[in-house]
Amino acid sequence: MSRASKITLACTSLATAGIVYFVHWSQEVDRAAMHAGVERDLENQRIKRERQLDFELQRRLEAEYRKIQTVSDGKNPVATGGPGVSQGT
């Protein structure tokens, strides 16, 4: 085998090994990124469920409190007769 053919074979083999290594590395990076996306989605779903449960709890507490006490909507404030309140005189 001539010297030129040995150099060509060595360069081709190194290039092939480099390409194979790069492809495997790229696949691992892509797989890790996809897995991170799945974990992020699961975390977002967990947070959404927690917020929904908190909202439902607040709704139940509000209904319970409305049964116990009178709640004003704030549209018709009641005059208390304190200082600075005119009584229509």
PDB file of N, CA and C in Angstrom:
ATOM      1  N   MET A   1       0.861  -1.167   0.000  1.00  0.00           N
ATOM      2  CA  MET A   1       0.000   0.000   0.000  1.00  0.00           C
ATOM      3  C   MET A   1       0.909   1.232   0.000  1.00  0.00           C
ATOM      4  N   SER A   2       0.581   2.160  -0.839  1.00  0.00           N
ATOM      5  CA  SER A   2       1.421   3.349  -0.938  1.00  0.00           C
ATOM      6  C   SER A   2       1.163   4.283   0.241  1.00  0.00           C
ATOM      7  N   ARG A   3       2.082   5.201   0.417  1.00  0.00           N
ATOM      8  CA  ARG A   3       1.973   6.159   1.529  1.00  0.00           C
ATOM      9  C   ARG A   3       0.738   7.040   1.361  1.00  0.00           C
ATOM     10  N   ALA A   4       0.440   7.470   0.176  1.00  0.00           N
ATOM     11  CA  ALA A   4      -0.718   8.328  -0.097  1.00  0.00           C
ATOM     12  C   ALA A   4      -2.016   7.592   0.209  1.00  0.00           C
ATOM     13  N   SER A   5      -2.088   6.318  -0.139  1.00  0.00           N
ATOM     14  CA  SER A   5      -3.315   5.566   0.141  1.00  0.00           C
ATOM     15  C   SER A   5      -3.492   5.331   1.636  1.00  0.00           C
ATOM     16  N   LYS A   6      -2.384   5.142   2.367  1.00  0.00           N
ATOM     17  CA  LYS A   6      -2.470   4.981   3.823  1.00  0.00           C
ATOM     18  C   LYS A   6      -2.974   6.273   4.473  1.00  0.00           C
ATOM     19  N   ILE A   7      -2.474   7.409   4.015  1.00  0.00           N
ATOM     20  CA  ILE A   7      -2.914   8.703   4.556  1.00  0.00           C
ATOM     21  C   ILE A   7      -4.388   8.933   4.235  1.00  0.00           C
ATOM     22  N   THR A   8      -4.794   8.588   3.021  1.00  0.00           N
ATOM     23  CA  THR A   8      -6.194   8.751   2.622  1.00  0.00           C
ATOM     24  C   THR A   8      -7.095   7.854   3.470  1.00  0.00           C
ATOM     25  N   LEU A   9      -6.677   6.606   3.668  1.00  0.00           N
ATOM     26  CA  LEU A   9      -7.459   5.676   4.488  1.00  0.00           C
ATOM     27  C   LEU A   9      -7.563   6.180   5.926  1.00  0.00           C
ATOM     28  N   ALA A  10      -6.469   6.667   6.492  1.00  0.00           N
ATOM     29  CA  ALA A  10      -6.472   7.170   7.867  1.00  0.00           C
ATOM     30  C   ALA A  10      -7.375   8.394   7.992  1.00  0.00           C
ATOM     31  N   CYS A  11      -7.273   9.319   7.045  1.00  0.00           N
ATOM     32  CA  CYS A  11      -8.115  10.528   7.101  1.00  0.00           C
ATOM     33  C   CYS A  11      -9.589  10.179   6.944  1.00  0.00           C
ATOM     34  N   THR A  12      -9.890   9.269   6.036  1.00  0.00           N
ATOM     35  CA  THR A  12     -11.278   8.856   5.817  1.00  0.00           C
ATOM     36  C   THR A  12     -11.828   8.157   7.062  1.00  0.00           C
ATOM     37  N   SER A  13     -11.007   7.298   7.670  1.00  0.00           N
ATOM     38  CA  SER A  13     -11.438   6.592   8.883  1.00  0.00           C
ATOM     39  C   SER A  13     -11.678   7.571  10.025  1.00  0.00           C
ATOM     40  N   LEU A  14     -10.782   8.543  10.199  1.00  0.00           N
ATOM     41  CA  LEU A  14     -10.956   9.542  11.257  1.00  0.00           C
ATOM     42  C   LEU A  14     -12.196  10.401  11.003  1.00  0.00           C
ATOM     43  N   ALA A  15     -12.414  10.785   9.766  1.00  0.00           N
ATOM     44  CA  ALA A  15     -13.591  11.592   9.434  1.00  0.00           C
ATOM     45  C   ALA A  15     -14.868  10.802   9.703  1.00  0.00           C
ATOM     46  N   THR A  16     -14.875   9.531   9.329  1.00  0.00           N
ATOM     47  CA  THR A  16     -16.050   8.685   9.565  1.00  0.00           C
ATOM     48  C   THR A  16     -16.304   8.525  11.058  1.00  0.00           C
ATOM     49  N   ALA A  17     -15.255   8.265  11.823  1.00  0.00           N
ATOM     50  CA  ALA A  17     -15.409   8.124  13.273  1.00  0.00           C
ATOM     51  C   ALA A  17     -15.911   9.428  13.886  1.00  0.00           C
ATOM     52  N   GLY A  18     -15.398  10.556  13.418  1.00  0.00           N
ATOM     53  CA  GLY A  18     -15.852  11.854  13.923  1.00  0.00           C
ATOM     54  C   GLY A  18     -17.317  12.107  13.612  1.00  0.00           C
ATOM     55  N   ILE A  19     -17.728  11.751  12.400  1.00  0.00           N
ATOM     56  CA  ILE A  19     -19.134  11.945  12.016  1.00  0.00           C
ATOM     57  C   ILE A  19     -20.044  11.054  12.852  1.00  0.00           C
ATOM     58  N   VAL A  20     -19.658   9.793  13.034  1.00  0.00           N
ATOM     59  CA  VAL A  20     -20.467   8.869  13.840  1.00  0.00           C
ATOM     60  C   VAL A  20     -20.570   9.376  15.275  1.00  0.00           C
ATOM     61  N   TYR A  21     -19.461   9.834  15.850  1.00  0.00           N
ATOM     62  CA  TYR A  21     -19.476  10.369  17.211  1.00  0.00           C
ATOM     63  C   TYR A  21     -20.387  11.590  17.295  1.00  0.00           C
ATOM     64  N   PHE A  22     -20.274  12.496  16.319  1.00  0.00           N
ATOM     65  CA  PHE A  22     -21.101  13.702  16.329  1.00  0.00           C
ATOM     66  C   PHE A  22     -22.588  13.355  16.235  1.00  0.00           C
ATOM     67  N   VAL A  23     -22.946  12.393  15.382  1.00  0.00           N
ATOM     68  CA  VAL A  23     -24.354  12.005  15.236  1.00  0.00           C
ATOM     69  C   VAL A  23     -24.884  11.435  16.549  1.00  0.00           C
ATOM     70  N   HIS A  24     -24.118  10.571  17.196  1.00  0.00           N
ATOM     71  CA  HIS A  24     -24.560  10.003  18.477  1.00  0.00           C
ATOM     72  C   HIS A  24     -24.673  11.088  19.544  1.00  0.00           C
ATOM     73  N   TRP A  25     -23.715  11.994  19.591  1.00  0.00           N
ATOM     74  CA  TRP A  25     -23.762  13.103  20.552  1.00  0.00           C
ATOM     75  C   TRP A  25     -24.984  13.976  20.295  1.00  0.00           C
ATOM     76  N   SER A  26     -25.243  14.272  19.020  1.00  0.00           N
ATOM     77  CA  SER A  26     -26.397  15.104  18.660  1.00  0.00           C
ATOM     78  C   SER A  26     -27.708  14.432  19.075  1.00  0.00           C
ATOM     79  N   GLN A  27     -27.795  13.117  18.876  1.00  0.00           N
ATOM     80  CA  GLN A  27     -28.997  12.389  19.287  1.00  0.00           C
ATOM     81  C   GLN A  27     -29.186  12.436  20.799  1.00  0.00           C
ATOM     82  N   GLU A  28     -28.121  12.315  21.550  1.00  0.00           N
ATOM     83  CA  GLU A  28     -28.215  12.389  23.011  1.00  0.00           C
ATOM     84  C   GLU A  28     -28.685  13.768  23.461  1.00  0.00           C
ATOM     85  N   VAL A  29     -28.163  14.811  22.831  1.00  0.00           N
ATOM     86  CA  VAL A  29     -28.574  16.175  23.177  1.00  0.00           C
ATOM     87  C   VAL A  29     -30.056  16.373  22.857  1.00  0.00           C
ATOM     88  N   ASP A  30     -30.484  15.896  21.688  1.00  0.00           N
ATOM     89  CA  ASP A  30     -31.898  16.019  21.308  1.00  0.00           C
ATOM     90  C   ASP A  30     -32.798  15.241  22.266  1.00  0.00           C
ATOM     91  N   ARG A  31     -32.376  14.043  22.642  1.00  0.00           N
ATOM     92  CA  ARG A  31     -33.160  13.217  23.565  1.00  0.00           C
ATOM     93  C   ARG A  31     -33.279  13.902  24.927  1.00  0.00           C
ATOM     94  N   ALA A  32     -32.183  14.499  25.388  1.00  0.00           N
ATOM     95  CA  ALA A  32     -32.210  15.211  26.674  1.00  0.00           C
ATOM     96  C   ALA A  32     -33.125  16.426  26.596  1.00  0.00           C
ATOM     97  N   ALA A  33     -33.098  17.138  25.467  1.00  0.00           N
ATOM     98  CA  ALA A  33     -33.967  18.308  25.314  1.00  0.00           C
ATOM     99  C   ALA A  33     -35.434  17.893  25.290  1.00  0.00           C
ATOM    100  N   MET A  34     -35.742  16.792  24.610  1.00  0.00           N
ATOM    101  CA  MET A  34     -37.130  16.318  24.574  1.00  0.00           C
ATOM    102  C   MET A  34     -37.582  15.884  25.964  1.00  0.00           C
ATOM    103  N   HIS A  35     -36.705  15.226  26.700  1.00  0.00           N
ATOM    104  CA  HIS A  35     -37.056  14.791  28.050  1.00  0.00           C
ATOM    105  C   HIS A  35     -37.283  15.991  28.964  1.00  0.00           C
ATOM    106  N   ALA A  36     -36.461  17.021  28.803  1.00  0.00           N
ATOM    107  CA  ALA A  36     -36.650  18.240  29.601  1.00  0.00           C
ATOM    108  C   ALA A  36     -37.991  18.882  29.274  1.00  0.00           C
ATOM    109  N   GLY A  37     -38.408  18.837  28.012  1.00  0.00           N
ATOM    110  CA  GLY A  37     -39.712  19.373  27.629  1.00  0.00           C
ATOM    111  C   GLY A  37     -40.847  18.608  28.288  1.00  0.00           C
ATOM    112  N   VAL A  38     -40.718  17.292  28.350  1.00  0.00           N
ATOM    113  CA  VAL A  38     -41.737  16.470  29.007  1.00  0.00           C
ATOM    114  C   VAL A  38     -41.798  16.805  30.493  1.00  0.00           C
ATOM    115  N   GLU A  39     -40.636  16.922  31.136  1.00  0.00           N
ATOM    116  CA  GLU A  39     -40.610  17.273  32.560  1.00  0.00           C
ATOM    117  C   GLU A  39     -41.228  18.644  32.793  1.00  0.00           C
ATOM    118  N   ARG A  40     -40.943  19.603  31.910  1.00  0.00           N
ATOM    119  CA  ARG A  40     -41.508  20.947  32.040  1.00  0.00           C
ATOM    120  C   ARG A  40     -43.030  20.900  31.883  1.00  0.00           C
ATOM    121  N   ASP A  41     -43.522  20.103  30.928  1.00  0.00           N
ATOM    122  CA  ASP A  41     -44.965  19.973  30.742  1.00  0.00           C
ATOM    123  C   ASP A  41     -45.631  19.350  31.967  1.00  0.00           C
ATOM    124  N   LEU A  42     -45.006  18.323  32.527  1.00  0.00           N
ATOM    125  CA  LEU A  42     -45.561  17.691  33.726  1.00  0.00           C
ATOM    126  C   LEU A  42     -45.606  18.676  34.890  1.00  0.00           C
ATOM    127  N   GLU A  43     -44.558  19.475  35.035  1.00  0.00           N
ATOM    128  CA  GLU A  43     -44.527  20.471  36.111  1.00  0.00           C
ATOM    129  C   GLU A  43     -45.619  21.521  35.903  1.00  0.00           C
ATOM    130  N   ASN A  44     -45.801  21.961  34.656  1.00  0.00           N
ATOM    131  CA  ASN A  44     -46.859  22.937  34.370  1.00  0.00           C
ATOM    132  C   ASN A  44     -48.236  22.357  34.666  1.00  0.00           C
ATOM    133  N   GLN A  45     -48.450  21.080  34.336  1.00  0.00           N
ATOM    134  CA  GLN A  45     -49.731  20.437  34.636  1.00  0.00           C
ATOM    135  C   GLN A  45     -49.944  20.338  36.144  1.00  0.00           C
ATOM    136  N   ARG A  46     -48.877  20.015  36.887  1.00  0.00           N
ATOM    137  CA  ARG A  46     -48.993  19.925  38.346  1.00  0.00           C
ATOM    138  C   ARG A  46     -49.360  21.288  38.935  1.00  0.00           C
ATOM    139  N   ILE A  47     -48.714  22.342  38.455  1.00  0.00           N
ATOM    140  CA  ILE A  47     -49.011  23.692  38.947  1.00  0.00           C
ATOM    141  C   ILE A  47     -50.445  24.073  38.604  1.00  0.00           C
ATOM    142  N   LYS A  48     -50.885  23.731  37.403  1.00  0.00           N
ATOM    143  CA  LYS A  48     -52.255  24.044  36.987  1.00  0.00           C
ATOM    144  C   LYS A  48     -53.264  23.322  37.880  1.00  0.00           C
ATOM    145  N   ARG A  49     -52.990  22.034  38.192  1.00  0.00           N
ATOM    146  CA  ARG A  49     -53.886  21.285  39.083  1.00  0.00           C
ATOM    147  C   ARG A  49     -53.928  21.918  40.463  1.00  0.00           C
ATOM    148  N   GLU A  50     -52.769  22.319  40.990  1.00  0.00           N
ATOM    149  CA  GLU A  50     -52.729  22.953  42.310  1.00  0.00           C
ATOM    150  C   GLU A  50     -53.530  24.247  42.314  1.00  0.00           C
ATOM    151  N   ARG A  51     -53.373  25.050  41.270  1.00  0.00           N
ATOM    152  CA  ARG A  51     -54.117  26.309  41.195  1.00  0.00           C
ATOM    153  C   ARG A  51     -55.614  26.052  41.100  1.00  0.00           C
ATOM    154  N   GLN A  52     -56.005  25.025  40.336  1.00  0.00           N
ATOM    155  CA  GLN A  52     -57.423  24.694  40.213  1.00  0.00           C
ATOM    156  C   GLN A  52     -57.981  24.243  41.561  1.00  0.00           C
ATOM    157  N   LEU A  53     -57.217  23.423  42.287  1.00  0.00           N
ATOM    158  CA  LEU A  53     -57.664  22.976  43.604  1.00  0.00           C
ATOM    159  C   LEU A  53     -57.779  24.155  44.569  1.00  0.00           C
ATOM    160  N   ASP A  54     -56.811  25.077  44.522  1.00  0.00           N
ATOM    161  CA  ASP A  54     -56.883  26.273  45.367  1.00  0.00           C
ATOM    162  C   ASP A  54     -58.104  27.112  45.017  1.00  0.00           C
ATOM    163  N   PHE A  55     -58.374  27.244  43.720  1.00  0.00           N
ATOM    164  CA  PHE A  55     -59.529  28.021  43.281  1.00  0.00           C
ATOM    165  C   PHE A  55     -60.825  27.389  43.786  1.00  0.00           C
ATOM    166  N   GLU A  56     -60.929  26.064  43.664  1.00  0.00           N
ATOM    167  CA  GLU A  56     -62.131  25.380  44.140  1.00  0.00           C
ATOM    168  C   GLU A  56     -62.276  25.517  45.654  1.00  0.00           C
ATOM    169  N   LEU A  57     -61.171  25.427  46.385  1.00  0.00           N
ATOM    170  CA  LEU A  57     -61.214  25.608  47.833  1.00  0.00           C
ATOM    171  C   LEU A  57     -61.694  27.011  48.176  1.00  0.00           C
ATOM    172  N   GLN A  58     -61.159  28.016  47.486  1.00  0.00           N
ATOM    173  CA  GLN A  58     -61.587  29.393  47.739  1.00  0.00           C
ATOM    174  C   GLN A  58     -63.064  29.572  47.408  1.00  0.00           C
ATOM    175  N   ARG A  59     -63.531  28.936  46.346  1.00  0.00           N
ATOM    176  CA  ARG A  59     -64.945  29.033  45.981  1.00  0.00           C
ATOM    177  C   ARG A  59     -65.824  28.418  47.073  1.00  0.00           C
ATOM    178  N   ARG A  60     -65.404  27.242  47.585  1.00  0.00           N
ATOM    179  CA  ARG A  60     -66.183  26.609  48.658  1.00  0.00           C
ATOM    180  C   ARG A  60     -66.165  27.452  49.927  1.00  0.00           C
ATOM    181  N   LEU A  61     -64.995  28.010  50.265  1.00  0.00           N
ATOM    182  CA  LEU A  61     -64.909  28.861  51.450  1.00  0.00           C
ATOM    183  C   LEU A  61     -65.775  30.105  51.286  1.00  0.00           C
ATOM    184  N   GLU A  62     -65.770  30.694  50.101  1.00  0.00           N
ATOM    185  CA  GLU A  62     -66.595  31.877  49.867  1.00  0.00           C
ATOM    186  C   GLU A  62     -68.073  31.539  50.041  1.00  0.00           C
ATOM    187  N   ALA A  63     -68.503  30.400  49.498  1.00  0.00           N
ATOM    188  CA  ALA A  63     -69.901  29.998  49.641  1.00  0.00           C
ATOM    189  C   ALA A  63     -70.244  29.773  51.111  1.00  0.00           C
ATOM    190  N   GLU A  64     -69.335  29.143  51.842  1.00  0.00           N
ATOM    191  CA  GLU A  64     -69.566  28.898  53.268  1.00  0.00           C
ATOM    192  C   GLU A  64     -69.638  30.215  54.040  1.00  0.00           C
ATOM    193  N   TYR A  65     -68.730  31.139  53.745  1.00  0.00           N
ATOM    194  CA  TYR A  65     -68.728  32.427  54.438  1.00  0.00           C
ATOM    195  C   TYR A  65     -69.955  33.252  54.086  1.00  0.00           C
ATOM    196  N   ARG A  66     -70.424  33.152  52.856  1.00  0.00           N
ATOM    197  CA  ARG A  66     -71.628  33.895  52.468  1.00  0.00           C
ATOM    198  C   ARG A  66     -72.856  33.379  53.229  1.00  0.00           C
ATOM    199  N   LYS A  67     -72.868  32.087  53.565  1.00  0.00           N
ATOM    200  CA  LYS A  67     -73.967  31.541  54.366  1.00  0.00           C
ATOM    201  C   LYS A  67     -73.913  32.090  55.787  1.00  0.00           C
ATOM    202  N   ILE A  68     -72.689  32.262  56.308  1.00  0.00           N
ATOM    203  CA  ILE A  68     -72.506  32.670  57.697  1.00  0.00           C
ATOM    204  C   ILE A  68     -72.717  34.163  57.890  1.00  0.00           C
ATOM    205  N   GLN A  69     -72.215  34.985  56.976  1.00  0.00           N
ATOM    206  CA  GLN A  69     -72.245  36.428  57.183  1.00  0.00           C
ATOM    207  C   GLN A  69     -72.774  37.140  55.941  1.00  0.00           C
ATOM    208  N   THR A  70     -73.240  38.382  56.170  1.00  0.00           N
ATOM    209  CA  THR A  70     -73.734  39.207  55.086  1.00  0.00           C
ATOM    210  C   THR A  70     -72.546  39.816  54.360  1.00  0.00           C
ATOM    211  N   VAL A  71     -72.594  39.762  53.047  1.00  0.00           N
ATOM    212  CA  VAL A  71     -71.504  40.298  52.246  1.00  0.00           C
ATOM    213  C   VAL A  71     -72.057  41.409  51.378  1.00  0.00           C
ATOM    214  N   SER A  72     -71.412  42.571  51.440  1.00  0.00           N
ATOM    215  CA  SER A  72     -71.816  43.708  50.625  1.00  0.00           C
ATOM    216  C   SER A  72     -70.981  43.714  49.359  1.00  0.00           C
ATOM    217  N   ASP A  73     -71.606  44.094  48.242  1.00  0.00           N
ATOM    218  CA  ASP A  73     -70.861  44.147  46.994  1.00  0.00           C
ATOM    219  C   ASP A  73     -70.111  45.457  46.832  1.00  0.00           C
ATOM    220  N   GLY A  74     -70.329  46.430  47.718  1.00  0.00           N
ATOM    221  CA  GLY A  74     -69.599  47.684  47.703  1.00  0.00           C
ATOM    222  C   GLY A  74     -70.201  48.741  46.804  1.00  0.00           C
ATOM    223  N   LYS A  75     -71.317  48.474  46.148  1.00  0.00           N
ATOM    224  CA  LYS A  75     -71.922  49.452  45.251  1.00  0.00           C
ATOM    225  C   LYS A  75     -72.759  50.475  46.004  1.00  0.00           C
ATOM    226  N   ASN A  76     -73.370  50.088  47.110  1.00  0.00           N
ATOM    227  CA  ASN A  76     -74.221  50.973  47.903  1.00  0.00           C
ATOM    228  C   ASN A  76     -73.659  51.084  49.311  1.00  0.00           C
ATOM    229  N   PRO A  77     -72.657  51.964  49.514  1.00  0.00           N
ATOM    230  CA  PRO A  77     -72.090  52.087  50.863  1.00  0.00           C
ATOM    231  C   PRO A  77     -73.117  52.679  51.822  1.00  0.00           C
ATOM    232  N   VAL A  78     -73.092  52.209  53.033  1.00  0.00           N
ATOM    233  CA  VAL A  78     -74.016  52.660  54.065  1.00  0.00           C
ATOM    234  C   VAL A  78     -73.343  53.776  54.847  1.00  0.00           C
ATOM    235  N   ALA A  79     -74.042  54.926  55.022  1.00  0.00           N
ATOM    236  CA  ALA A  79     -73.503  56.047  55.798  1.00  0.00           C
ATOM    237  C   ALA A  79     -73.515  55.673  57.268  1.00  0.00           C
ATOM    238  N   THR A  80     -72.405  55.921  57.957  1.00  0.00           N
ATOM    239  CA  THR A  80     -72.304  55.536  59.362  1.00  0.00           C
ATOM    240  C   THR A  80     -72.603  56.688  60.297  1.00  0.00           C
ATOM    241  N   GLY A  81     -72.683  57.881  59.768  1.00  0.00           N
ATOM    242  CA  GLY A  81     -72.968  59.023  60.632  1.00  0.00           C
ATOM    243  C   GLY A  81     -71.737  59.566  61.306  1.00  0.00           C
ATOM    244  N   GLY A  82     -70.588  59.177  60.887  1.00  0.00           N
ATOM    245  CA  GLY A  82     -69.338  59.642  61.475  1.00  0.00           C
ATOM    246  C   GLY A  82     -69.007  61.042  60.993  1.00  0.00           C
ATOM    247  N   PRO A  83     -67.865  61.572  61.404  1.00  0.00           N
ATOM    248  CA  PRO A  83     -67.472  62.927  61.012  1.00  0.00           C
ATOM    249  C   PRO A  83     -67.295  63.012  59.495  1.00  0.00           C
ATOM    250  N   GLY A  84     -67.754  64.129  58.937  1.00  0.00           N
ATOM    251  CA  GLY A  84     -67.603  64.365  57.517  1.00  0.00           C
ATOM    252  C   GLY A  84     -68.688  63.748  56.664  1.00  0.00           C
ATOM    253  N   VAL A  85     -69.647  63.078  57.285  1.00  0.00           N
ATOM    254  CA  VAL A  85     -70.725  62.456  56.517  1.00  0.00           C
ATOM    255  C   VAL A  85     -71.947  63.342  56.638  1.00  0.00           C
ATOM    256  N   SER A  86     -72.470  63.758  55.506  1.00  0.00           N
ATOM    257  CA  SER A  86     -73.649  64.628  55.571  1.00  0.00           C
ATOM    258  C   SER A  86     -74.897  63.765  55.677  1.00  0.00           C
ATOM    259  N   GLN A  87     -75.818  64.186  56.517  1.00  0.00           N
ATOM    260  CA  GLN A  87     -77.042  63.445  56.761  1.00  0.00           C
ATOM    261  C   GLN A  87     -78.213  64.018  55.970  1.00  0.00           C
ATOM    262  N   GLY A  88     -77.942  64.866  54.983  1.00  0.00           N
ATOM    263  CA  GLY A  88     -79.014  65.406  54.164  1.00  0.00           C
ATOM    264  C   GLY A  88     -79.711  66.586  54.800  1.00  0.00           C
ATOM    265  N   THR A  89     -79.089  67.330  55.696  1.00  0.00           N
ATOM    266  CA  THR A  89     -79.732  68.482  56.326  1.00  0.00           C
ATOM    267  C   THR A  89     -79.373  69.757  55.660  1.00  0.00           C
TER     268      THR A  89
END
